[in-house]
Structure formats: structure tokens, C-alpha cells
Amino acid sequence: MPIERSDSVERSGQGERGGATGRERPPFRAEHVGSLLRPSQLLAARERHRAGELSAAELAAVEDEAIRDIVRRQEEIGLQVVTDGEFRRAAWQVDFLKQFSNVAVSRATVTVSFHTDQGDIDRLPSALRVTGKLARPRPIFVEAFRFLRSTAHAVPKITIPSPSLLHFRGGRQAVDESAYPDLEQFYGDLARVYAEEIADLAAAGCRYLQIDEVNFAYLCDPKLREEVRRFGEDPGRLPLTYARLINQSIEGRPRDMTVGMHLCRGNFESAWLAEGGYEPVAEVLFNAVNVEGYFLEYDTERAGDFRPLRFVPKGKIVVLGLVTTKRGALESADELKRRIEEASRYVPLEQLALSPQCGFASAGRGNRLTFDEQMAKLRLIVEVARQVWGR
């Protein structure tokens, strides 16, 4: 493999958060997106809780034990970053967004086709509506982060859905006009409630936050851009609107808090929704959004080539999602290194890192691979990162 570690690549420290793959601050050289396959005992406990056979406190105790175990497993394979696997959530986005006042969750009336290698999956996704003025009556994921931090030796990362989700799925029609006759007022309140949550996460010790933003990636798909036009938005301007919204949401964060942004094209039981390379949004994505790192889906041709990375400015990190979470077959280390080298033609190697293309379980049922296959993929990421960037 012709890739060699540059002398300019940061060497890992051995201090409080020292690690083994070449960066002392996140994003690290070996990363993962956040969600992990739920263990069978946790899924069974959730079913018993829904049936009224298990109390909330008893369910929380099962969650606690499952999180302690998955954090230990992440650390044992050499990851410098750990998450709680999103084990307390039924779905990556709804569990967060429904906690805001006047956000209503219902089933969509239009069937959406997710695509798999074996054929399409038709489903009615959750629809979100804003029925009044937005407010945040209480912290949302703060206690979950506190528990994660209490059990982690590696750097704890918390993930939250992007604020753009409250607009993209329905546009103007999803936001009550009597509460928000002007959408700018809606965006202002939305940024404010997000900023409140981020401030409380920071006060609890969070210094690594990930925003899961699917809509930039959806705006790379010609079919979805057409849908955006049908509900009255300009797909060419929407990335700028969302960039401003995200920036306003995070602008009050502490200077030592790293914010990364994950993009994917849908992840539901190994299925995807959108296709198309990053070119339509790349310049805005990399230069108008004030985050430190980008987690980019790059496991298949549906994400396009690496040419859009030419827009990445100095100082930002691109985490290449080259390892798929949608099937269990393990990638070749040599092939991963070849693709990293290819990406380094457009952005310097010291600005690159490696991860899966998405989470392993965006919802409770998760993707179609086993727990052992999941862990093998994470081990491979750690090993390839060591080979490319050194200790």
C-alpha cells in the first residue's frame, strides 16, 4: 500500500484522553457514527415494558447494564471515542424531537420506498408537525450523557438529530402558520431550543457532539430535489438556510467542544432512501457550516466520488464512511487503504479519518448483520487507522 503516514500528522498523546490512532482531539482517526445493535436482552426488556410487565425503573436498569457493556467493548478494541449505542432510543431522531413543546408525531400519509440489495421496503415513516410555539420544557439527552460519561474512559460522544428535520419532511405545511406566520421566526425559535439543550450538555461535561443531518445528503438526489420543489422550497437555497440554522444552534457552545456532522442517505434495516454524490451541496456544506468534522457516507457508488472534497478548507476533518453497516461481509483492509489514498488526492491525508458509513441501528431492530460482524467492522477500522496514520 503506497500510503505513508506524513510527519505532519498529529501524534497521539498519552495524557488524560490519549489514544492509539493519531489524534488527541476529535474527530479521531478511527470513529463510529453512534448507534449500535441492541442486545437481545434489551430488546426483550423494551417489549416487556411496552406490555406493562416491566417498570420504567426496571427498564432503565437493563439499559444501564447494556450501556456499560457496550462502552467496555468499544474501549477494548481501541476506540478513542465511545457512545451509548443510542440504547435508550427507539429511533435516532423522534425520541429527541418529540420532547420539544408543540411537536406532534404521526404516521406519514405517503408511503416511502427504501431500497435494499434484495428489493424495496415500503413503509410509512414518522411525520413531524409543529403545532405551536416551540419550547424546551426540560433537558432531553442530558441525563443520558451524564451516565455515558460516568462509565467511559474514552471520550464520550452524544448524537442528536439535526434541527433541519423539523422542516424538511413537510416544509411550510408542517409548521403552523398561526404560530409562525414568518418561517424566520420558526427557525429562530428552533435554533434557540437546540442551543438550550447544547448548553446543558456542555454544563454536564459534553465536549464532543454529533449532529445527524440527513437532509444535505437528500438534497444530492435529483428525485428528492424535485420533491422539495413540489412543497414550495428551492433546493438550491435550502442548504444555506439549513447551514444558518445549524450555526445558530451551536454558536454558543464552549470553545473546547467539538461538533461533527454526519450525513447519510437513509438507514433503515439495511435499506437506504437517497442516491447521488455531494457535488450539489459541497461548497455550502464544507464552508458555510461551522462544524469541525464531517462524517460522510462513502461505502457505495450511490454516494458519488471524492471530487467534492476539493471544497474542504484547511483545519476541518473528513471522516470517510467507507465501511458499510448495511451488510455483514467484512471489507478488505487493502481496499480501504486504497480508497483513503484516492480521497487524499482532494484533501490532505492529515485531514482524513475512517468510520462506518452510518450507525448500525438507527432504530431498535437495527441493520441486517450480527453483533460479531458489527464488532469486526469496528476492529477493522481501528486497525486500518493505525496502519495509515500510526500510533
Protein backbone atom coordinates (compact mmCIF):
# COMPACT_ATOMS: atom_id res chain seq x y z
CA MET A 1 0.00 0.00 0.00
CA PRO A 2 1.69 3.26 -1.10
CA ILE A 3 0.08 5.45 1.59
CA GLU A 4 2.56 6.51 4.25
CA ARG A 5 1.92 8.50 7.39
CA SER A 6 3.00 12.10 6.93
CA ASP A 7 5.24 13.68 9.59
CA SER A 8 2.65 16.47 9.75
CA VAL A 9 0.00 14.10 11.08
CA GLU A 10 -0.55 14.68 14.79
CA ARG A 11 0.93 12.05 17.06
CA SER A 12 -1.31 10.67 19.76
CA GLY A 13 -0.70 11.92 23.27
CA GLN A 14 -0.61 9.74 26.32
CA GLY A 15 -2.39 12.18 28.61
CA GLU A 16 -5.90 12.02 30.02
CA ARG A 17 -7.51 11.18 26.67
CA GLY A 18 -4.51 9.72 24.87
CA GLY A 19 -5.23 7.11 22.23
CA ALA A 20 -3.74 4.89 19.57
CA THR A 21 -4.67 6.31 16.18
CA GLY A 22 -3.01 9.65 15.73
CA ARG A 23 -5.26 12.48 17.05
CA GLU A 24 -5.65 13.81 20.57
CA ARG A 25 -8.88 15.70 19.85
CA PRO A 26 -11.97 14.52 18.00
CA PRO A 27 -12.78 13.63 15.37
CA PHE A 28 -10.35 10.76 15.87
CA ARG A 29 -8.70 8.69 13.14
CA ALA A 30 -10.91 5.69 13.99
CA GLU A 31 -14.51 6.72 14.57
CA HIS A 32 -18.04 5.41 14.51
CA VAL A 33 -21.31 7.19 13.89
CA GLY A 34 -23.13 6.34 17.10
CA SER A 35 -25.89 3.77 17.04
CA LEU A 36 -25.07 0.11 17.71
CA LEU A 37 -27.06 -3.10 17.53
CA ARG A 38 -29.25 -3.54 20.62
CA PRO A 39 -28.55 -6.71 22.61
CA SER A 40 -31.39 -9.23 22.73
CA GLN A 41 -31.97 -8.73 26.46
CA LEU A 42 -32.52 -5.01 25.92
CA LEU A 43 -34.99 -5.59 23.08
CA ALA A 44 -36.84 -8.11 25.24
CA ALA A 45 -36.97 -5.64 28.13
CA ARG A 46 -38.44 -2.98 25.86
CA GLU A 47 -41.16 -5.38 24.76
CA ARG A 48 -41.98 -6.23 28.37
CA HIS A 49 -42.07 -2.53 29.24
CA ARG A 50 -44.50 -1.84 26.37
CA ALA A 51 -46.66 -4.72 27.59
CA GLY A 52 -46.75 -3.27 31.11
CA GLU A 53 -44.71 -6.13 32.55
CA LEU A 54 -41.62 -4.06 33.37
CA SER A 55 -41.49 -0.68 35.12
CA ALA A 56 -39.61 2.33 33.74
CA ALA A 57 -37.04 1.96 36.51
CA GLU A 58 -36.52 -1.71 35.71
CA LEU A 59 -36.11 -0.91 32.01
CA ALA A 60 -33.58 1.81 32.86
CA ALA A 61 -31.57 -0.70 34.90
CA VAL A 62 -31.39 -3.03 31.86
CA GLU A 63 -30.35 -0.07 29.67
CA ASP A 64 -27.65 0.92 32.17
CA GLU A 65 -26.12 -2.54 32.18
CA ALA A 66 -26.24 -2.82 28.37
CA ILE A 67 -24.56 0.58 28.01
CA ARG A 68 -21.80 -0.29 30.48
CA ASP A 69 -21.10 -3.44 28.48
CA ILE A 70 -21.05 -1.77 25.04
CA VAL A 71 -18.83 1.06 26.28
CA ARG A 72 -16.35 -1.50 27.62
CA ARG A 73 -16.39 -3.37 24.30
CA GLN A 74 -15.72 -0.17 22.33
CA GLU A 75 -12.78 0.67 24.56
CA GLU A 76 -11.36 -2.85 24.42
CA ILE A 77 -10.97 -2.72 20.63
CA GLY A 78 -9.03 0.54 20.86
CA LEU A 79 -11.57 3.24 20.01
CA GLN A 80 -10.76 6.66 21.46
CA VAL A 81 -14.44 7.63 21.28
CA VAL A 82 -17.45 5.81 22.71
CA THR A 83 -21.21 6.29 22.54
CA ASP A 84 -24.04 4.65 24.45
CA GLY A 85 -25.10 2.98 21.20
CA GLU A 86 -28.29 5.06 21.40
CA PHE A 87 -29.59 2.18 23.53
CA ARG A 88 -32.17 4.38 25.29
CA ARG A 89 -33.82 5.36 21.99
CA ALA A 90 -36.43 3.66 19.86
CA ALA A 91 -35.40 5.78 16.85
CA TRP A 92 -32.46 8.11 16.28
CA GLN A 93 -34.50 11.27 15.67
CA VAL A 94 -38.04 11.05 17.03
CA ASP A 95 -37.06 10.35 20.65
CA PHE A 96 -35.32 13.73 20.70
CA LEU A 97 -37.59 15.94 18.60
CA LYS A 98 -40.86 14.93 20.25
CA GLN A 99 -39.58 16.32 23.57
CA PHE A 100 -39.96 19.90 22.34
CA SER A 101 -43.28 21.55 23.14
CA ASN A 102 -45.76 21.61 20.25
CA VAL A 103 -44.00 18.99 18.12
CA ALA A 104 -46.53 16.35 17.08
CA VAL A 105 -45.50 12.94 15.78
CA SER A 106 -47.76 10.93 13.49
CA ARG A 107 -47.54 8.45 10.65
CA ALA A 108 -46.99 9.93 7.21
CA THR A 109 -49.81 9.52 4.71
CA VAL A 110 -47.46 8.81 1.81
CA THR A 111 -45.56 5.53 1.57
CA VAL A 112 -41.81 5.85 1.17
CA SER A 113 -39.78 3.21 -0.64
CA PHE A 114 -36.46 2.33 0.96
CA HIS A 115 -34.06 0.39 -1.26
CA THR A 116 -32.06 -2.74 -0.48
CA ASP A 117 -29.92 -5.13 -2.47
CA GLN A 118 -32.83 -7.63 -2.25
CA GLY A 119 -35.58 -5.19 -3.28
CA ASP A 120 -37.56 -2.26 -1.89
CA ILE A 121 -39.14 -1.88 1.55
CA ASP A 122 -42.28 0.24 1.64
CA ARG A 123 -43.03 1.96 4.94
CA LEU A 124 -44.87 4.91 6.43
CA PRO A 125 -42.19 6.94 8.23
CA SER A 126 -42.88 9.20 11.17
CA ALA A 127 -44.20 12.63 10.22
CA LEU A 128 -43.34 15.66 12.34
CA ARG A 129 -45.55 18.75 12.65
CA VAL A 130 -45.02 21.97 14.57
CA THR A 131 -48.42 22.85 16.05
CA GLY A 132 -47.48 25.91 18.12
CA LYS A 133 -44.60 27.89 19.55
CA LEU A 134 -41.52 25.77 20.17
CA ALA A 135 -40.16 25.40 23.68
CA ARG A 136 -37.92 23.02 25.59
CA PRO A 137 -39.66 22.27 28.89
CA ARG A 138 -36.83 20.10 30.22
CA PRO A 139 -33.40 18.71 29.24
CA ILE A 140 -33.67 15.88 26.71
CA PHE A 141 -30.49 13.79 26.46
CA VAL A 142 -28.53 15.40 29.29
CA GLU A 143 -29.04 12.61 31.84
CA ALA A 144 -28.23 10.01 29.20
CA PHE A 145 -24.95 11.82 28.54
CA ARG A 146 -24.14 12.04 32.25
CA PHE A 147 -24.49 8.28 32.57
CA LEU A 148 -22.34 7.67 29.49
CA ARG A 149 -19.64 9.98 30.81
CA SER A 150 -19.70 8.27 34.21
CA THR A 151 -18.93 4.87 32.71
CA ALA A 152 -16.50 5.86 29.93
CA HIS A 153 -12.70 6.08 30.00
CA ALA A 154 -12.53 7.09 26.32
CA VAL A 155 -14.06 10.33 25.05
CA PRO A 156 -17.88 10.16 25.30
CA LYS A 157 -19.82 11.37 22.25
CA ILE A 158 -23.53 12.20 22.19
CA THR A 159 -25.53 12.35 18.96
CA ILE A 160 -28.60 14.48 18.27
CA PRO A 161 -30.72 14.86 15.12
CA SER A 162 -30.28 17.99 13.05
CA PRO A 163 -32.79 20.80 13.60
CA SER A 164 -33.44 20.77 9.84
CA LEU A 165 -35.56 17.64 10.31
CA LEU A 166 -38.41 19.72 11.71
CA HIS A 167 -38.69 21.49 8.37
CA PHE A 168 -37.51 19.18 5.59
CA ARG A 169 -40.16 16.49 5.80
CA GLY A 170 -43.06 18.85 5.25
CA GLY A 171 -41.82 22.36 4.54
CA ARG A 172 -44.16 25.26 5.19
CA GLN A 173 -47.16 22.92 5.53
CA ALA A 174 -45.58 21.18 8.53
CA VAL A 175 -45.27 24.43 10.50
CA ASP A 176 -48.43 26.01 11.94
CA GLU A 177 -48.98 29.38 10.25
CA SER A 178 -50.84 30.91 13.19
CA ALA A 179 -47.84 30.22 15.45
CA TYR A 180 -45.26 31.11 12.80
CA PRO A 181 -46.63 33.31 10.02
CA ASP A 182 -42.99 34.01 9.13
CA LEU A 183 -40.70 30.97 8.84
CA GLU A 184 -37.77 33.06 10.03
CA GLN A 185 -39.45 33.20 13.45
CA PHE A 186 -39.74 29.42 13.38
CA TYR A 187 -36.06 28.99 12.52
CA GLY A 188 -35.12 31.42 15.29
CA ASP A 189 -37.09 29.53 17.94
CA LEU A 190 -35.80 26.19 16.66
CA ALA A 191 -32.19 27.36 16.96
CA ARG A 192 -32.93 28.67 20.46
CA VAL A 193 -34.32 25.39 21.85
CA TYR A 194 -31.40 23.50 20.35
CA ALA A 195 -28.97 25.98 21.89
CA GLU A 196 -30.60 25.42 25.29
CA GLU A 197 -30.05 21.66 25.05
CA ILE A 198 -26.46 22.08 23.87
CA ALA A 199 -25.72 24.48 26.73
CA ASP A 200 -26.99 21.94 29.26
CA LEU A 201 -24.98 19.16 27.60
CA ALA A 202 -21.89 21.36 27.83
CA ALA A 203 -22.56 22.06 31.51
CA ALA A 204 -22.76 18.27 32.04
CA GLY A 205 -19.26 17.91 30.58
CA CYS A 206 -20.02 17.15 26.93
CA ARG A 207 -17.14 18.15 24.68
CA TYR A 208 -17.96 16.01 21.65
CA LEU A 209 -21.33 16.47 19.96
CA GLN A 210 -22.51 14.95 16.68
CA ILE A 211 -25.39 16.37 14.64
CA ASP A 212 -27.07 13.78 12.42
CA GLU A 213 -28.03 15.70 9.30
CA VAL A 214 -29.59 13.61 6.52
CA ASN A 215 -31.15 16.44 4.55
CA PHE A 216 -27.96 17.79 2.98
CA ALA A 217 -27.43 14.28 1.58
CA TYR A 218 -31.06 14.01 0.46
CA LEU A 219 -30.58 17.27 -1.46
CA CYS A 220 -27.96 15.45 -3.55
CA ASP A 221 -30.69 13.20 -5.03
CA PRO A 222 -32.40 14.63 -8.17
CA LYS A 223 -35.72 12.95 -7.27
CA LEU A 224 -35.76 14.38 -3.75
CA ARG A 225 -34.77 17.82 -5.05
CA GLU A 226 -37.87 17.63 -7.22
CA GLU A 227 -40.00 16.79 -4.17
CA VAL A 228 -38.57 19.81 -2.37
CA ARG A 229 -39.71 22.00 -5.25
CA ARG A 230 -43.19 20.49 -5.01
CA PHE A 231 -43.61 21.66 -1.42
CA GLY A 232 -42.51 25.17 -2.37
CA GLU A 233 -38.81 25.28 -1.46
CA ASP A 234 -35.79 25.97 -3.63
CA PRO A 235 -33.34 23.03 -3.30
CA GLY A 236 -30.53 25.35 -4.33
CA ARG A 237 -31.14 27.71 -1.41
CA LEU A 238 -32.19 25.24 1.25
CA PRO A 239 -28.60 24.19 2.14
CA LEU A 240 -27.82 27.83 3.01
CA THR A 241 -30.96 28.01 5.15
CA TYR A 242 -30.02 24.85 6.99
CA ALA A 243 -26.39 25.96 7.39
CA ARG A 244 -27.57 29.16 9.08
CA LEU A 245 -29.97 27.20 11.31
CA ILE A 246 -27.25 24.78 12.44
CA ASN A 247 -24.77 27.59 13.02
CA GLN A 248 -27.25 29.50 15.19
CA SER A 249 -27.96 26.33 17.16
CA ILE A 250 -24.29 25.69 18.02
CA GLU A 251 -22.81 29.18 18.15
CA GLY A 252 -22.95 29.37 21.97
CA ARG A 253 -21.02 26.13 22.53
CA PRO A 254 -17.80 26.20 24.56
CA ARG A 255 -14.63 26.80 22.57
CA ASP A 256 -13.35 23.35 23.53
CA MET A 257 -16.47 21.49 22.33
CA THR A 258 -16.01 19.66 19.03
CA VAL A 259 -19.07 19.42 16.80
CA GLY A 260 -19.21 16.92 13.96
CA MET A 261 -21.95 16.49 11.37
CA HIS A 262 -22.99 13.12 9.96
CA LEU A 263 -24.62 12.80 6.53
CA CYS A 264 -26.24 9.69 5.12
CA ARG A 265 -28.83 8.71 2.55
CA GLY A 266 -31.15 6.81 4.85
CA ASN A 267 -30.56 3.83 7.13
CA PHE A 268 -33.48 1.55 7.94
CA GLU A 269 -32.92 -2.19 8.42
CA SER A 270 -30.05 -2.14 5.88
CA ALA A 271 -32.08 -0.04 3.43
CA TRP A 272 -31.43 3.45 2.03
CA LEU A 273 -33.59 6.19 0.56
CA ALA A 274 -31.49 8.66 -1.44
CA GLU A 275 -28.71 8.49 -4.01
CA GLY A 276 -26.33 11.00 -5.55
CA GLY A 277 -22.88 12.50 -4.98
CA TYR A 278 -22.17 15.50 -2.74
CA GLU A 279 -21.44 17.97 -5.56
CA PRO A 280 -24.78 19.90 -5.35
CA VAL A 281 -24.20 20.81 -1.68
CA ALA A 282 -20.43 20.51 -1.21
CA GLU A 283 -19.36 24.14 -1.28
CA VAL A 284 -22.02 25.20 1.24
CA LEU A 285 -21.59 22.06 3.35
CA PHE A 286 -17.85 22.41 3.86
CA ASN A 287 -17.56 26.20 4.02
CA ALA A 288 -20.82 27.58 5.43
CA VAL A 289 -21.46 25.11 8.27
CA ASN A 290 -19.36 25.91 11.34
CA VAL A 291 -18.51 22.38 12.48
CA GLU A 292 -15.10 20.80 12.92
CA GLY A 293 -15.70 17.49 11.19
CA TYR A 294 -17.91 15.70 8.67
CA PHE A 295 -18.94 12.05 8.75
CA LEU A 296 -19.61 11.25 5.10
CA GLU A 297 -21.25 8.14 3.67
CA TYR A 298 -18.87 6.67 1.10
CA ASP A 299 -19.43 2.92 1.19
CA THR A 300 -21.00 2.56 -2.27
CA GLU A 301 -21.24 4.32 -5.62
CA ARG A 302 -24.56 5.89 -4.62
CA ALA A 303 -22.55 8.50 -2.64
CA GLY A 304 -20.54 9.51 -5.69
CA ASP A 305 -16.79 10.08 -5.93
CA PHE A 306 -14.35 12.05 -3.81
CA ARG A 307 -14.13 15.12 -6.07
CA PRO A 308 -16.46 17.22 -3.87
CA LEU A 309 -13.82 17.00 -1.12
CA ARG A 310 -11.83 19.63 -3.03
CA PHE A 311 -14.04 22.21 -1.27
CA VAL A 312 -12.93 21.17 2.22
CA PRO A 313 -10.97 24.03 3.84
CA LYS A 314 -7.84 23.63 5.92
CA GLY A 315 -8.44 22.67 9.53
CA LYS A 316 -11.57 20.57 9.04
CA ILE A 317 -11.64 16.78 9.29
CA VAL A 318 -13.47 14.49 6.88
CA VAL A 319 -14.34 11.10 8.36
CA LEU A 320 -14.69 8.73 5.42
CA GLY A 321 -17.59 6.31 5.90
CA LEU A 322 -16.02 3.55 3.84
CA VAL A 323 -17.17 0.58 5.94
CA THR A 324 -20.79 -0.32 5.36
CA THR A 325 -23.20 -1.06 8.19
CA LYS A 326 -25.80 -2.48 5.81
CA ARG A 327 -24.30 -5.97 5.43
CA GLY A 328 -22.06 -8.21 7.46
CA ALA A 329 -19.33 -9.07 4.93
CA LEU A 330 -16.05 -7.59 6.14
CA GLU A 331 -14.23 -5.13 3.92
CA SER A 332 -10.63 -5.62 2.79
CA ALA A 333 -8.07 -3.56 4.68
CA ASP A 334 -6.11 -3.03 1.47
CA GLU A 335 -9.21 -1.77 -0.34
CA LEU A 336 -9.96 0.67 2.48
CA LYS A 337 -6.40 1.99 2.34
CA ARG A 338 -6.64 2.34 -1.44
CA ARG A 339 -9.80 4.42 -1.10
CA ILE A 340 -8.25 6.59 1.61
CA GLU A 341 -5.35 7.24 -0.74
CA GLU A 342 -7.81 8.15 -3.51
CA ALA A 343 -9.59 10.63 -1.21
CA SER A 344 -6.23 12.16 -0.23
CA ARG A 345 -5.87 13.45 -3.79
CA TYR A 346 -8.56 16.01 -2.97
CA VAL A 347 -7.97 16.70 0.74
CA PRO A 348 -4.70 16.12 2.65
CA LEU A 349 -4.29 12.82 4.48
CA GLU A 350 -3.92 14.62 7.84
CA GLN A 351 -7.49 15.93 7.37
CA LEU A 352 -8.95 12.44 6.88
CA ALA A 353 -10.25 9.76 9.24
CA LEU A 354 -12.20 6.48 8.93
CA SER A 355 -15.59 5.24 10.14
CA PRO A 356 -18.63 3.18 9.15
CA GLN A 357 -20.91 4.91 6.67
CA CYS A 358 -23.75 5.16 9.22
CA GLY A 359 -24.91 3.73 12.51
CA PHE A 360 -25.61 0.04 12.89
CA ALA A 361 -29.11 0.53 14.32
CA SER A 362 -30.90 3.78 13.56
CA ALA A 363 -33.98 2.16 15.11
CA GLY A 364 -34.46 -0.67 17.58
CA ARG A 365 -34.42 -3.53 15.09
CA GLY A 366 -31.16 -2.44 13.51
CA ASN A 367 -29.44 -3.45 10.31
CA ARG A 368 -29.13 -6.96 8.92
CA LEU A 369 -25.85 -8.12 10.38
CA THR A 370 -24.81 -9.79 13.59
CA PHE A 371 -23.28 -8.29 16.71
CA ASP A 372 -19.98 -10.08 15.99
CA GLU A 373 -19.95 -8.76 12.43
CA GLN A 374 -20.53 -5.24 13.78
CA MET A 375 -17.60 -5.52 16.20
CA ALA A 376 -15.35 -6.99 13.49
CA LYS A 377 -16.02 -3.91 11.36
CA LEU A 378 -15.15 -1.57 14.22
CA ARG A 379 -11.93 -3.53 14.91
CA LEU A 380 -11.02 -3.28 11.23
CA ILE A 381 -11.49 0.50 11.33
CA VAL A 382 -9.16 0.79 14.33
CA GLU A 383 -6.53 -1.42 12.69
CA VAL A 384 -6.62 0.37 9.32
CA ALA A 385 -6.42 3.75 11.07
CA ARG A 386 -3.29 2.55 12.92
CA GLN A 387 -1.73 1.37 9.68
CA VAL A 388 -2.48 4.62 7.83
CA TRP A 389 -1.91 7.28 10.50
CA GLY A 390 0.25 5.44 13.03
CA ARG A 391 0.00 5.32 16.80
